[in-house]
Structure formats: C-alpha cells, structure tokens
Amino acid sequence: MSQEFPELGIYTLPGRINDPQRTLEEAPLADKLGIGSIFYR
C-alpha cells in the first residue's frame, strides 16, 4: 500500500501492556491507514 501519511508515526504498546500480541493487530491497521512509521517499546 502507498503511504498516504509518510510523515506520521505511531507507537504500539504504549504504557504497561501485558500482551505484546496487540502489536500484530495494530501493525496491519496502521499500514491500511497509510501510516509511515511504527515504533514499539
């Protein structure tokens, strides 16, 4: 998919998350929305 918003980025797993599986759910959604970068901690 083309990046509609290459200047935007998101953090996955903000705060204290016990289940890192959420990253696998959030990454495809960010790609679908055209988000340029995904950061995780």
Protein backbone atom coordinates (compact mmCIF):
# COMPACT_ATOMS: atom_id res chain seq x y z
CA MET A 1 0.00 0.00 0.00
CA SER A 2 1.18 3.52 -0.64
CA GLN A 3 1.88 5.68 2.35
CA GLU A 4 -0.65 8.47 2.45
CA PHE A 5 0.88 9.95 5.59
CA PRO A 6 4.62 9.17 5.47
CA GLU A 7 5.33 11.93 7.98
CA LEU A 8 3.13 10.29 10.65
CA GLY A 9 4.23 7.56 13.02
CA ILE A 10 2.60 5.62 15.83
CA TYR A 11 3.81 3.83 18.94
CA THR A 12 2.47 0.39 19.58
CA LEU A 13 2.22 -0.95 23.10
CA PRO A 14 2.20 2.41 24.91
CA GLY A 15 2.39 2.16 28.67
CA ARG A 16 2.30 -1.12 30.53
CA ILE A 17 0.82 -3.74 28.25
CA ASN A 18 0.90 -7.39 29.29
CA ASP A 19 0.11 -8.85 25.88
CA PRO A 20 2.55 -7.95 23.06
CA GLN A 21 0.25 -9.77 20.62
CA ARG A 22 -1.55 -6.43 20.15
CA THR A 23 1.35 -5.21 18.00
CA LEU A 24 0.47 -7.85 15.42
CA GLU A 25 -3.07 -6.46 15.33
CA GLU A 26 -2.06 -2.79 15.22
CA ALA A 27 0.63 -3.03 12.52
CA PRO A 28 -1.67 -4.11 9.65
CA LEU A 29 -4.20 -1.47 10.66
CA ALA A 30 -1.53 1.24 10.58
CA ASP A 31 -0.46 0.03 7.15
CA LYS A 32 -4.06 0.11 5.93
CA LEU A 33 -4.39 3.69 7.18
CA GLY A 34 -1.21 4.71 5.36
CA ILE A 35 0.86 5.50 8.45
CA GLY A 36 4.54 5.97 7.58
CA SER A 37 6.27 4.51 10.67
CA ILE A 38 5.56 2.17 13.54
CA PHE A 39 7.62 2.29 16.72
CA TYR A 40 7.45 -0.13 19.60
CA ARG A 41 9.00 -0.25 23.06
